[in-house]
Amino acid sequence: MSITILHNPRCSKSRQTLALLQENGIQPLVREYLKDPLNTAEISELLAKLGLEAKSLIRPKEDDFKLAGLDLKTSSEAAFIEAMAMHPKLMERPVVIHNDRARIGRPPECVLEIL
């Protein structure tokens, strides 16, 4: 069973999601995506596993959103993906990946759906 959490240890929801997994006897591979960012291909694959468009994974309130010149209404899918690869803190967190499925841990209990 391969389970990965895209984790930011400074984020309370990310810490709660990791703890929830561990409380359920799961020791996931922890990828601190701010230190080890996803590339555009990995983000595209992640979006497919989530079943989401890129703008649903992006954090528009981050300063990097404006710096990247993004607009939720007019920016392309490719622009959002490229921005998340260049500015990883734009990506919503945490995300748990289990085989060909993934869930955003907001609230943390959502990730249990894919286990």
N, C-alpha and C. Protein backbone atom coordinates (compact mmCIF):
# COMPACT_ATOMS: atom_id res chain seq x y z
N MET A 1 0.85 -1.17 0.00
CA MET A 1 0.00 0.00 0.00
C MET A 1 0.89 1.24 0.00
N SER A 2 0.78 2.03 -1.03
CA SER A 2 1.60 3.22 -1.18
C SER A 2 0.76 4.47 -0.90
N ILE A 3 1.07 5.15 0.20
CA ILE A 3 0.35 6.37 0.55
C ILE A 3 1.38 7.47 0.77
N THR A 4 1.13 8.61 0.12
CA THR A 4 2.02 9.76 0.23
C THR A 4 1.20 10.95 0.70
N ILE A 5 1.79 11.77 1.56
CA ILE A 5 1.17 13.02 1.95
C ILE A 5 2.07 14.16 1.49
N LEU A 6 1.47 15.09 0.75
CA LEU A 6 2.16 16.32 0.39
C LEU A 6 1.95 17.24 1.57
N HIS A 7 3.01 17.48 2.31
CA HIS A 7 2.93 18.01 3.67
C HIS A 7 3.69 19.31 3.83
N ASN A 8 3.09 20.20 4.61
CA ASN A 8 3.76 21.41 5.06
C ASN A 8 3.69 21.39 6.58
N PRO A 9 4.80 21.13 7.26
CA PRO A 9 4.76 20.98 8.71
C PRO A 9 4.33 22.25 9.44
N ARG A 10 4.34 23.39 8.78
CA ARG A 10 3.92 24.64 9.42
C ARG A 10 2.40 24.83 9.35
N CYS A 11 1.71 23.98 8.61
CA CYS A 11 0.26 24.10 8.41
C CYS A 11 -0.47 23.18 9.40
N SER A 12 -1.41 23.74 10.16
CA SER A 12 -2.11 22.95 11.17
C SER A 12 -2.94 21.83 10.52
N LYS A 13 -3.61 22.11 9.40
CA LYS A 13 -4.40 21.07 8.73
C LYS A 13 -3.50 19.94 8.22
N SER A 14 -2.32 20.29 7.78
CA SER A 14 -1.38 19.29 7.31
C SER A 14 -0.92 18.41 8.47
N ARG A 15 -0.60 19.04 9.58
CA ARG A 15 -0.20 18.27 10.77
C ARG A 15 -1.35 17.39 11.26
N GLN A 16 -2.57 17.92 11.25
CA GLN A 16 -3.74 17.13 11.68
C GLN A 16 -3.97 15.93 10.76
N THR A 17 -3.80 16.15 9.47
CA THR A 17 -4.01 15.06 8.50
C THR A 17 -2.96 13.98 8.68
N LEU A 18 -1.71 14.36 8.86
CA LEU A 18 -0.66 13.39 9.10
C LEU A 18 -0.94 12.60 10.38
N ALA A 19 -1.35 13.29 11.43
CA ALA A 19 -1.67 12.62 12.69
C ALA A 19 -2.84 11.65 12.51
N LEU A 20 -3.85 12.05 11.75
CA LEU A 20 -5.01 11.18 11.49
C LEU A 20 -4.58 9.90 10.79
N LEU A 21 -3.72 10.04 9.80
CA LEU A 21 -3.22 8.84 9.11
C LEU A 21 -2.49 7.93 10.09
N GLN A 22 -1.61 8.52 10.89
CA GLN A 22 -0.82 7.73 11.84
C GLN A 22 -1.71 7.07 12.89
N GLU A 23 -2.77 7.79 13.33
CA GLU A 23 -3.71 7.21 14.30
C GLU A 23 -4.45 6.01 13.70
N ASN A 24 -4.54 5.97 12.39
CA ASN A 24 -5.18 4.85 11.70
C ASN A 24 -4.17 3.80 11.26
N GLY A 25 -2.98 3.85 11.83
CA GLY A 25 -1.97 2.83 11.57
C GLY A 25 -1.25 2.98 10.24
N ILE A 26 -1.33 4.15 9.65
CA ILE A 26 -0.71 4.39 8.34
C ILE A 26 0.52 5.28 8.52
N GLN A 27 1.65 4.81 8.02
CA GLN A 27 2.87 5.59 8.03
C GLN A 27 3.16 6.01 6.58
N PRO A 28 2.63 7.14 6.16
CA PRO A 28 2.79 7.54 4.76
C PRO A 28 4.19 8.04 4.46
N LEU A 29 4.51 8.03 3.19
CA LEU A 29 5.69 8.71 2.73
C LEU A 29 5.38 10.20 2.83
N VAL A 30 6.21 10.95 3.53
CA VAL A 30 5.97 12.37 3.72
C VAL A 30 6.84 13.15 2.75
N ARG A 31 6.18 13.89 1.88
CA ARG A 31 6.91 14.74 0.93
C ARG A 31 6.63 16.19 1.30
N GLU A 32 7.64 16.86 1.81
CA GLU A 32 7.51 18.27 2.13
C GLU A 32 7.64 19.04 0.82
N TYR A 33 6.50 19.32 0.22
CA TYR A 33 6.47 19.84 -1.14
C TYR A 33 7.06 21.25 -1.27
N LEU A 34 7.23 21.97 -0.17
CA LEU A 34 7.89 23.27 -0.26
C LEU A 34 9.40 23.10 -0.43
N LYS A 35 9.95 22.03 0.14
CA LYS A 35 11.37 21.72 -0.01
C LYS A 35 11.65 20.89 -1.26
N ASP A 36 10.67 20.08 -1.65
CA ASP A 36 10.79 19.17 -2.79
C ASP A 36 9.56 19.38 -3.69
N PRO A 37 9.53 20.51 -4.43
CA PRO A 37 8.34 20.86 -5.21
C PRO A 37 8.01 19.85 -6.31
N LEU A 38 6.73 19.78 -6.61
CA LEU A 38 6.28 18.95 -7.72
C LEU A 38 6.58 19.67 -9.02
N ASN A 39 6.91 18.91 -10.06
CA ASN A 39 7.08 19.52 -11.37
C ASN A 39 5.74 19.55 -12.08
N THR A 40 5.71 20.14 -13.26
CA THR A 40 4.43 20.30 -13.96
C THR A 40 3.77 18.96 -14.28
N ALA A 41 4.57 17.96 -14.65
CA ALA A 41 4.01 16.64 -14.95
C ALA A 41 3.40 16.01 -13.70
N GLU A 42 4.07 16.14 -12.57
CA GLU A 42 3.55 15.59 -11.32
C GLU A 42 2.26 16.31 -10.90
N ILE A 43 2.21 17.62 -11.10
CA ILE A 43 1.00 18.37 -10.77
C ILE A 43 -0.16 17.93 -11.66
N SER A 44 0.10 17.77 -12.94
CA SER A 44 -0.94 17.30 -13.86
C SER A 44 -1.45 15.93 -13.46
N GLU A 45 -0.55 15.03 -13.09
CA GLU A 45 -0.93 13.69 -12.65
C GLU A 45 -1.74 13.77 -11.35
N LEU A 46 -1.31 14.64 -10.44
CA LEU A 46 -2.03 14.82 -9.19
C LEU A 46 -3.45 15.33 -9.44
N LEU A 47 -3.59 16.29 -10.34
CA LEU A 47 -4.92 16.82 -10.66
C LEU A 47 -5.84 15.73 -11.22
N ALA A 48 -5.29 14.85 -12.04
CA ALA A 48 -6.08 13.74 -12.56
C ALA A 48 -6.54 12.82 -11.43
N LYS A 49 -5.67 12.56 -10.47
CA LYS A 49 -6.03 11.71 -9.33
C LYS A 49 -7.06 12.38 -8.44
N LEU A 50 -6.99 13.70 -8.34
CA LEU A 50 -7.96 14.46 -7.55
C LEU A 50 -9.28 14.63 -8.29
N GLY A 51 -9.22 14.57 -9.63
CA GLY A 51 -10.41 14.84 -10.43
C GLY A 51 -10.78 16.31 -10.41
N LEU A 52 -9.77 17.17 -10.35
CA LEU A 52 -9.98 18.61 -10.24
C LEU A 52 -9.28 19.37 -11.35
N GLU A 53 -9.77 20.58 -11.61
CA GLU A 53 -9.04 21.52 -12.46
C GLU A 53 -7.98 22.19 -11.59
N ALA A 54 -6.96 22.72 -12.23
CA ALA A 54 -5.84 23.32 -11.50
C ALA A 54 -6.27 24.48 -10.60
N LYS A 55 -7.23 25.27 -11.05
CA LYS A 55 -7.63 26.42 -10.22
C LYS A 55 -8.27 25.98 -8.91
N SER A 56 -8.72 24.73 -8.82
CA SER A 56 -9.29 24.21 -7.57
C SER A 56 -8.22 23.81 -6.58
N LEU A 57 -6.98 23.69 -7.03
CA LEU A 57 -5.87 23.30 -6.16
C LEU A 57 -5.02 24.50 -5.77
N ILE A 58 -5.34 25.65 -6.32
CA ILE A 58 -4.49 26.82 -6.10
C ILE A 58 -5.02 27.67 -4.95
N ARG A 59 -4.10 28.33 -4.27
CA ARG A 59 -4.43 29.20 -3.14
C ARG A 59 -4.35 30.66 -3.60
N PRO A 60 -5.49 31.24 -3.99
CA PRO A 60 -5.47 32.58 -4.57
C PRO A 60 -5.14 33.71 -3.60
N LYS A 61 -5.16 33.44 -2.30
CA LYS A 61 -4.86 34.49 -1.32
C LYS A 61 -3.38 34.63 -1.03
N GLU A 62 -2.57 33.73 -1.55
CA GLU A 62 -1.12 33.83 -1.37
C GLU A 62 -0.57 34.99 -2.20
N ASP A 63 0.46 35.67 -1.69
CA ASP A 63 1.09 36.77 -2.41
C ASP A 63 1.61 36.33 -3.77
N ASP A 64 2.12 35.09 -3.85
CA ASP A 64 2.67 34.59 -5.11
C ASP A 64 1.62 34.48 -6.21
N PHE A 65 0.35 34.43 -5.83
CA PHE A 65 -0.72 34.36 -6.83
C PHE A 65 -0.69 35.62 -7.69
N LYS A 66 -0.63 36.76 -7.05
CA LYS A 66 -0.57 38.02 -7.79
C LYS A 66 0.76 38.18 -8.50
N LEU A 67 1.84 37.79 -7.83
CA LEU A 67 3.17 37.89 -8.44
C LEU A 67 3.27 37.06 -9.72
N ALA A 68 2.55 35.95 -9.75
CA ALA A 68 2.57 35.09 -10.93
C ALA A 68 1.65 35.61 -12.04
N GLY A 69 0.91 36.68 -11.75
CA GLY A 69 0.03 37.26 -12.76
C GLY A 69 -1.20 36.43 -13.05
N LEU A 70 -1.66 35.68 -12.05
CA LEU A 70 -2.80 34.78 -12.26
C LEU A 70 -4.13 35.47 -12.00
N ASP A 71 -5.16 34.96 -12.65
CA ASP A 71 -6.52 35.41 -12.46
C ASP A 71 -7.41 34.18 -12.50
N LEU A 72 -8.24 33.99 -11.48
CA LEU A 72 -9.08 32.80 -11.41
C LEU A 72 -10.03 32.66 -12.59
N LYS A 73 -10.43 33.77 -13.18
CA LYS A 73 -11.39 33.72 -14.28
C LYS A 73 -10.74 33.56 -15.65
N THR A 74 -9.53 34.09 -15.81
CA THR A 74 -8.97 34.14 -17.17
C THR A 74 -7.70 33.31 -17.38
N SER A 75 -7.01 32.94 -16.31
CA SER A 75 -5.76 32.19 -16.48
C SER A 75 -6.05 30.77 -16.97
N SER A 76 -5.16 30.25 -17.77
CA SER A 76 -5.32 28.91 -18.34
C SER A 76 -4.91 27.83 -17.33
N GLU A 77 -5.34 26.62 -17.62
CA GLU A 77 -4.94 25.46 -16.83
C GLU A 77 -3.42 25.35 -16.78
N ALA A 78 -2.79 25.53 -17.92
CA ALA A 78 -1.32 25.44 -18.00
C ALA A 78 -0.67 26.53 -17.16
N ALA A 79 -1.24 27.72 -17.13
CA ALA A 79 -0.67 28.81 -16.33
C ALA A 79 -0.73 28.49 -14.84
N PHE A 80 -1.85 27.92 -14.40
CA PHE A 80 -1.98 27.54 -12.99
C PHE A 80 -0.97 26.45 -12.62
N ILE A 81 -0.84 25.45 -13.48
CA ILE A 81 0.09 24.35 -13.22
C ILE A 81 1.52 24.86 -13.17
N GLU A 82 1.90 25.67 -14.13
CA GLU A 82 3.25 26.24 -14.16
C GLU A 82 3.51 27.08 -12.91
N ALA A 83 2.52 27.87 -12.49
CA ALA A 83 2.69 28.71 -11.31
C ALA A 83 2.89 27.86 -10.05
N MET A 84 2.13 26.76 -9.93
CA MET A 84 2.31 25.89 -8.75
C MET A 84 3.67 25.22 -8.75
N ALA A 85 4.18 24.90 -9.94
CA ALA A 85 5.52 24.30 -10.02
C ALA A 85 6.59 25.33 -9.64
N MET A 86 6.40 26.56 -10.05
CA MET A 86 7.38 27.62 -9.76
C MET A 86 7.24 28.17 -8.34
N HIS A 87 6.02 28.18 -7.82
CA HIS A 87 5.73 28.73 -6.49
C HIS A 87 4.91 27.70 -5.71
N PRO A 88 5.57 26.69 -5.13
CA PRO A 88 4.83 25.58 -4.53
C PRO A 88 3.88 25.97 -3.40
N LYS A 89 4.10 27.10 -2.75
CA LYS A 89 3.15 27.43 -1.69
C LYS A 89 1.79 27.86 -2.23
N LEU A 90 1.67 27.99 -3.55
CA LEU A 90 0.37 28.25 -4.15
C LEU A 90 -0.54 27.03 -4.11
N MET A 91 0.05 25.85 -3.90
CA MET A 91 -0.73 24.62 -3.94
C MET A 91 -1.43 24.39 -2.60
N GLU A 92 -2.71 24.04 -2.68
CA GLU A 92 -3.49 23.72 -1.48
C GLU A 92 -2.87 22.53 -0.78
N ARG A 93 -2.99 22.50 0.52
CA ARG A 93 -2.40 21.44 1.32
C ARG A 93 -3.33 21.07 2.45
N PRO A 94 -3.11 19.91 2.99
CA PRO A 94 -2.29 18.81 2.51
C PRO A 94 -3.03 18.02 1.45
N VAL A 95 -2.29 17.21 0.74
CA VAL A 95 -2.89 16.29 -0.23
C VAL A 95 -2.36 14.90 0.09
N VAL A 96 -3.28 13.94 0.15
CA VAL A 96 -2.90 12.55 0.38
C VAL A 96 -3.16 11.80 -0.92
N ILE A 97 -2.16 11.01 -1.32
CA ILE A 97 -2.24 10.24 -2.56
C ILE A 97 -2.16 8.76 -2.20
N HIS A 98 -3.13 8.00 -2.71
CA HIS A 98 -3.13 6.55 -2.51
C HIS A 98 -3.40 5.90 -3.86
N ASN A 99 -2.35 5.31 -4.42
CA ASN A 99 -2.42 4.68 -5.74
C ASN A 99 -2.92 5.68 -6.79
N ASP A 100 -4.09 5.44 -7.37
CA ASP A 100 -4.57 6.33 -8.45
C ASP A 100 -5.61 7.34 -7.98
N ARG A 101 -5.69 7.54 -6.67
CA ARG A 101 -6.65 8.50 -6.11
C ARG A 101 -5.94 9.46 -5.16
N ALA A 102 -6.52 10.63 -5.00
CA ALA A 102 -5.97 11.62 -4.08
C ALA A 102 -7.10 12.46 -3.51
N ARG A 103 -6.85 13.05 -2.34
CA ARG A 103 -7.81 13.94 -1.69
C ARG A 103 -7.04 15.05 -0.99
N ILE A 104 -7.67 16.22 -0.98
CA ILE A 104 -7.16 17.34 -0.19
C ILE A 104 -7.67 17.15 1.23
N GLY A 105 -6.81 17.34 2.20
CA GLY A 105 -7.16 17.13 3.60
C GLY A 105 -7.81 18.34 4.24
N ARG A 106 -8.87 18.81 3.66
CA ARG A 106 -9.64 19.94 4.22
C ARG A 106 -11.11 19.59 4.14
N PRO A 107 -11.68 19.13 5.22
CA PRO A 107 -11.07 18.81 6.51
C PRO A 107 -10.24 17.52 6.43
N PRO A 108 -9.41 17.29 7.41
CA PRO A 108 -8.51 16.13 7.35
C PRO A 108 -9.22 14.80 7.10
N GLU A 109 -10.44 14.64 7.62
CA GLU A 109 -11.18 13.38 7.47
C GLU A 109 -11.46 13.01 6.01
N CYS A 110 -11.42 13.99 5.11
CA CYS A 110 -11.67 13.71 3.69
C CYS A 110 -10.70 12.68 3.12
N VAL A 111 -9.50 12.62 3.65
CA VAL A 111 -8.51 11.70 3.09
C VAL A 111 -8.85 10.25 3.38
N LEU A 112 -9.67 10.01 4.39
CA LEU A 112 -10.03 8.63 4.72
C LEU A 112 -10.85 7.98 3.62
N GLU A 113 -11.48 8.79 2.76
CA GLU A 113 -12.31 8.26 1.67
C GLU A 113 -11.51 7.41 0.68
N ILE A 114 -10.21 7.65 0.58
CA ILE A 114 -9.42 6.96 -0.45
C ILE A 114 -8.56 5.83 0.12
N LEU A 115 -8.67 5.59 1.41
CA LEU A 115 -7.82 4.56 2.02
C LEU A 115 -8.47 3.19 1.98
